[in-house]
């Protein structure tokens, strides 16, 4: 059983930056591929980014490509989401999620992930 705790959210002006962290415990972190998702008010949860177990493969939704970077430090049991050039439409609760296998074609599917954090709020003002 893996526990995930996100941190680093907050209020930032458009054009600003934030770095989200997701700390994992209760499992061997390197065995899990990790995803970031977000949910804006009144909208469904959506895929943001994914990183493979080794960190060698990443994937991003089109709206964040070039602005967000996902990374991981397996020694620290932590995955990060660096966000720059933030826009008001990035406002959402951001969740990290873990799955105990590398995903390929299904890495953007919510149902493929086994464990979820409680989320951290990101608010971008215009």
Foldseek 3Di string as FASTA:
>chain_A
DKAKAKDWADEEAQQAKIKMKIAIDDDQLLQKKKFKWWDDPPGDIWGAKIAFSVRPDMDGDPVQPPFWDWGDDSVRRMIMIIGGSDDQVVWTWMKMFIARHGDDPCPGPPVRTDDIYPTDTHGYHD
